[in-house]
Each structure stands twice: as structure tokens, then as C-alpha cells.
Amino acid sequence: MDGRGCWRDNVFVERLWKSVKYEEVYLKAYESVGQARASLGRYLEFYNTRRPHTAHRGNTPDQAYAQALAQVREAA
């Protein structure tokens, strides 16, 4: 199972969409596509900038990225 269509290819995206569905989509009744887009945009902003993730030791994805980037710059 390490060729085309491997489960590992989509595991991170599938986990993201599970969070989006259960924390945003299933809790709201959107009136229009535009309203859904705006609400999902706000949720993804929250997800990346304010929601702590256990995979990042309680940091947000933005914080984890900034830390990793700083480490790469220090190593260079």
C-alpha cells in the first residue's frame, strides 16, 4: 500500500476536514454559498491562528510554522 492511492497521501487533509465538519459545518445552517464561504474562511483563520493543536504541543499551526522557520534560519 505505498503506491498510488495510499492512505498516507490524504491522512492530514482528511483530519483537517473532519475538524471542519464537526466544529463548523454541522453546527451551522448556511443560508447561501457566500455565507458558507465566509464562515468557513473565519473558521480556517481560527483553526490556524487561535486553536491550539496537540500535535504542535499546544501551539497553533502558525506558531509551529514560525518556530520551525526560525530554527531553519538559525541553522543556515
N, C-alpha and C. Protein backbone atom coordinates (compact mmCIF):
# COMPACT_ATOMS: atom_id res chain seq x y z
N MET A 1 0.81 -1.20 0.00
CA MET A 1 0.00 0.00 0.00
C MET A 1 0.85 1.26 0.00
N ASP A 2 1.91 1.29 -0.73
CA ASP A 2 2.71 2.50 -0.77
C ASP A 2 2.79 3.06 -2.18
N GLY A 3 1.87 2.69 -3.02
CA GLY A 3 1.80 3.22 -4.37
C GLY A 3 0.74 4.30 -4.48
N ARG A 4 0.24 4.46 -5.67
CA ARG A 4 -0.79 5.46 -5.93
C ARG A 4 -2.05 5.14 -5.11
N GLY A 5 -2.63 6.16 -4.53
CA GLY A 5 -3.84 5.97 -3.75
C GLY A 5 -3.59 5.50 -2.32
N CYS A 6 -2.39 5.67 -1.85
CA CYS A 6 -2.03 5.24 -0.50
C CYS A 6 -2.75 6.10 0.54
N TRP A 7 -3.17 5.49 1.63
CA TRP A 7 -3.91 6.20 2.67
C TRP A 7 -3.09 7.34 3.27
N ARG A 8 -1.78 7.21 3.29
CA ARG A 8 -0.93 8.26 3.89
C ARG A 8 -0.97 9.56 3.10
N ASP A 9 -1.31 9.47 1.82
CA ASP A 9 -1.34 10.67 0.98
C ASP A 9 -2.36 11.69 1.46
N ASN A 10 -3.45 11.22 2.03
CA ASN A 10 -4.55 12.12 2.38
C ASN A 10 -4.83 12.22 3.88
N VAL A 11 -4.04 11.57 4.70
CA VAL A 11 -4.37 11.49 6.12
C VAL A 11 -4.46 12.87 6.79
N PHE A 12 -3.58 13.78 6.44
CA PHE A 12 -3.59 15.10 7.08
C PHE A 12 -4.78 15.94 6.61
N VAL A 13 -5.07 15.88 5.33
CA VAL A 13 -6.20 16.63 4.80
C VAL A 13 -7.52 16.06 5.32
N GLU A 14 -7.61 14.72 5.40
CA GLU A 14 -8.83 14.12 5.93
C GLU A 14 -9.05 14.53 7.39
N ARG A 15 -8.00 14.63 8.17
CA ARG A 15 -8.12 15.05 9.57
C ARG A 15 -8.58 16.49 9.64
N LEU A 16 -8.05 17.34 8.79
CA LEU A 16 -8.49 18.74 8.74
C LEU A 16 -9.98 18.81 8.42
N TRP A 17 -10.43 18.09 7.39
CA TRP A 17 -11.83 18.16 7.00
C TRP A 17 -12.74 17.59 8.07
N LYS A 18 -12.26 16.61 8.83
CA LYS A 18 -13.07 16.10 9.94
C LYS A 18 -13.30 17.22 10.96
N SER A 19 -12.24 17.95 11.29
CA SER A 19 -12.37 19.07 12.22
C SER A 19 -13.31 20.13 11.67
N VAL A 20 -13.15 20.47 10.40
CA VAL A 20 -14.00 21.49 9.78
C VAL A 20 -15.47 21.07 9.85
N LYS A 21 -15.75 19.82 9.52
CA LYS A 21 -17.15 19.36 9.53
C LYS A 21 -17.74 19.37 10.93
N TYR A 22 -17.03 18.82 11.90
CA TYR A 22 -17.61 18.67 13.23
C TYR A 22 -17.58 19.95 14.06
N GLU A 23 -16.64 20.84 13.80
CA GLU A 23 -16.55 22.06 14.59
C GLU A 23 -17.20 23.26 13.92
N GLU A 24 -17.53 23.14 12.63
CA GLU A 24 -18.10 24.28 11.92
C GLU A 24 -19.35 23.91 11.12
N VAL A 25 -19.22 23.09 10.13
CA VAL A 25 -20.29 22.85 9.17
C VAL A 25 -21.53 22.24 9.81
N TYR A 26 -21.36 21.19 10.60
CA TYR A 26 -22.52 20.51 11.17
C TYR A 26 -23.24 21.35 12.24
N LEU A 27 -22.60 22.39 12.71
CA LEU A 27 -23.20 23.23 13.75
C LEU A 27 -23.98 24.42 13.19
N LYS A 28 -23.88 24.64 11.87
CA LYS A 28 -24.49 25.83 11.29
C LYS A 28 -25.40 25.46 10.13
N ALA A 29 -26.39 26.29 9.92
CA ALA A 29 -27.27 26.15 8.75
C ALA A 29 -27.03 27.38 7.88
N TYR A 30 -26.23 27.21 6.85
CA TYR A 30 -25.89 28.33 5.97
C TYR A 30 -27.07 28.68 5.08
N GLU A 31 -27.29 29.96 4.88
CA GLU A 31 -28.37 30.43 4.02
C GLU A 31 -27.97 30.45 2.55
N SER A 32 -26.67 30.58 2.29
CA SER A 32 -26.21 30.69 0.90
C SER A 32 -24.76 30.19 0.82
N VAL A 33 -24.31 30.02 -0.41
CA VAL A 33 -22.93 29.61 -0.64
C VAL A 33 -21.98 30.70 -0.15
N GLY A 34 -22.33 31.95 -0.38
CA GLY A 34 -21.50 33.06 0.08
C GLY A 34 -21.35 33.08 1.59
N GLN A 35 -22.44 32.82 2.28
CA GLN A 35 -22.39 32.77 3.74
C GLN A 35 -21.52 31.60 4.21
N ALA A 36 -21.64 30.47 3.55
CA ALA A 36 -20.82 29.31 3.90
C ALA A 36 -19.34 29.61 3.67
N ARG A 37 -19.02 30.23 2.55
CA ARG A 37 -17.61 30.58 2.26
C ARG A 37 -17.05 31.51 3.32
N ALA A 38 -17.80 32.53 3.67
CA ALA A 38 -17.33 33.49 4.67
C ALA A 38 -17.13 32.81 6.02
N SER A 39 -18.08 31.98 6.41
CA SER A 39 -18.00 31.30 7.69
C SER A 39 -16.84 30.31 7.73
N LEU A 40 -16.65 29.57 6.64
CA LEU A 40 -15.52 28.63 6.57
C LEU A 40 -14.19 29.37 6.58
N GLY A 41 -14.14 30.52 5.92
CA GLY A 41 -12.92 31.33 5.95
C GLY A 41 -12.57 31.77 7.36
N ARG A 42 -13.59 32.20 8.11
CA ARG A 42 -13.36 32.60 9.50
C ARG A 42 -12.90 31.41 10.34
N TYR A 43 -13.53 30.25 10.10
CA TYR A 43 -13.14 29.06 10.86
C TYR A 43 -11.69 28.67 10.56
N LEU A 44 -11.30 28.68 9.29
CA LEU A 44 -9.93 28.30 8.95
C LEU A 44 -8.91 29.31 9.51
N GLU A 45 -9.29 30.57 9.56
CA GLU A 45 -8.44 31.57 10.21
C GLU A 45 -8.28 31.24 11.69
N PHE A 46 -9.38 30.91 12.36
CA PHE A 46 -9.35 30.50 13.75
C PHE A 46 -8.50 29.24 13.93
N TYR A 47 -8.71 28.26 13.06
CA TYR A 47 -8.01 26.98 13.13
C TYR A 47 -6.49 27.17 13.06
N ASN A 48 -6.04 28.08 12.22
CA ASN A 48 -4.60 28.29 12.03
C ASN A 48 -3.97 29.26 13.02
N THR A 49 -4.75 30.20 13.55
CA THR A 49 -4.14 31.25 14.37
C THR A 49 -4.48 31.20 15.85
N ARG A 50 -5.61 30.59 16.22
CA ARG A 50 -6.01 30.64 17.64
C ARG A 50 -6.29 29.28 18.26
N ARG A 51 -6.55 28.25 17.46
CA ARG A 51 -6.91 26.94 18.00
C ARG A 51 -5.64 26.14 18.30
N PRO A 52 -5.39 25.80 19.58
CA PRO A 52 -4.20 25.00 19.90
C PRO A 52 -4.35 23.57 19.39
N HIS A 53 -3.24 22.97 18.98
CA HIS A 53 -3.23 21.62 18.45
C HIS A 53 -2.29 20.75 19.29
N THR A 54 -2.76 19.60 19.69
CA THR A 54 -1.91 18.71 20.49
C THR A 54 -0.71 18.24 19.69
N ALA A 55 -0.85 18.09 18.39
CA ALA A 55 0.28 17.67 17.55
C ALA A 55 1.40 18.70 17.55
N HIS A 56 1.08 19.94 17.90
CA HIS A 56 2.09 21.00 17.96
C HIS A 56 2.39 21.41 19.41
N ARG A 57 2.17 20.48 20.32
CA ARG A 57 2.42 20.72 21.75
C ARG A 57 1.64 21.93 22.29
N GLY A 58 0.41 22.06 21.86
CA GLY A 58 -0.44 23.14 22.35
C GLY A 58 -0.28 24.45 21.61
N ASN A 59 0.56 24.49 20.61
CA ASN A 59 0.72 25.69 19.79
C ASN A 59 -0.28 25.66 18.63
N THR A 60 -0.49 26.81 18.04
CA THR A 60 -1.30 26.88 16.83
C THR A 60 -0.41 26.50 15.64
N PRO A 61 -1.00 26.15 14.50
CA PRO A 61 -0.19 25.88 13.32
C PRO A 61 0.70 27.06 12.93
N ASP A 62 0.19 28.27 13.05
CA ASP A 62 1.01 29.44 12.74
C ASP A 62 2.23 29.55 13.66
N GLN A 63 2.03 29.29 14.95
CA GLN A 63 3.15 29.34 15.89
C GLN A 63 4.16 28.24 15.58
N ALA A 64 3.68 27.04 15.30
CA ALA A 64 4.56 25.92 14.99
C ALA A 64 5.38 26.22 13.73
N TYR A 65 4.74 26.79 12.72
CA TYR A 65 5.44 27.14 11.49
C TYR A 65 6.50 28.21 11.75
N ALA A 66 6.16 29.22 12.53
CA ALA A 66 7.11 30.28 12.82
C ALA A 66 8.32 29.74 13.59
N GLN A 67 8.08 28.84 14.52
CA GLN A 67 9.18 28.24 15.27
C GLN A 67 10.08 27.41 14.37
N ALA A 68 9.48 26.61 13.50
CA ALA A 68 10.26 25.78 12.57
C ALA A 68 11.06 26.66 11.62
N LEU A 69 10.46 27.73 11.14
CA LEU A 69 11.14 28.64 10.24
C LEU A 69 12.33 29.31 10.95
N ALA A 70 12.14 29.70 12.20
CA ALA A 70 13.24 30.31 12.96
C ALA A 70 14.38 29.31 13.16
N GLN A 71 14.06 28.06 13.39
CA GLN A 71 15.11 27.04 13.55
C GLN A 71 15.88 26.83 12.25
N VAL A 72 15.19 26.86 11.13
CA VAL A 72 15.86 26.71 9.83
C VAL A 72 16.78 27.90 9.59
N ARG A 73 16.32 29.08 9.91
CA ARG A 73 17.14 30.28 9.72
C ARG A 73 18.37 30.28 10.62
N GLU A 74 18.21 29.79 11.85
CA GLU A 74 19.35 29.71 12.77
C GLU A 74 20.38 28.70 12.29
N ALA A 75 19.92 27.62 11.69
CA ALA A 75 20.82 26.57 11.21
C ALA A 75 21.58 27.00 9.97
N ALA A 76 21.03 27.95 9.23
CA ALA A 76 21.67 28.37 7.97
C ALA A 76 22.79 29.35 8.19
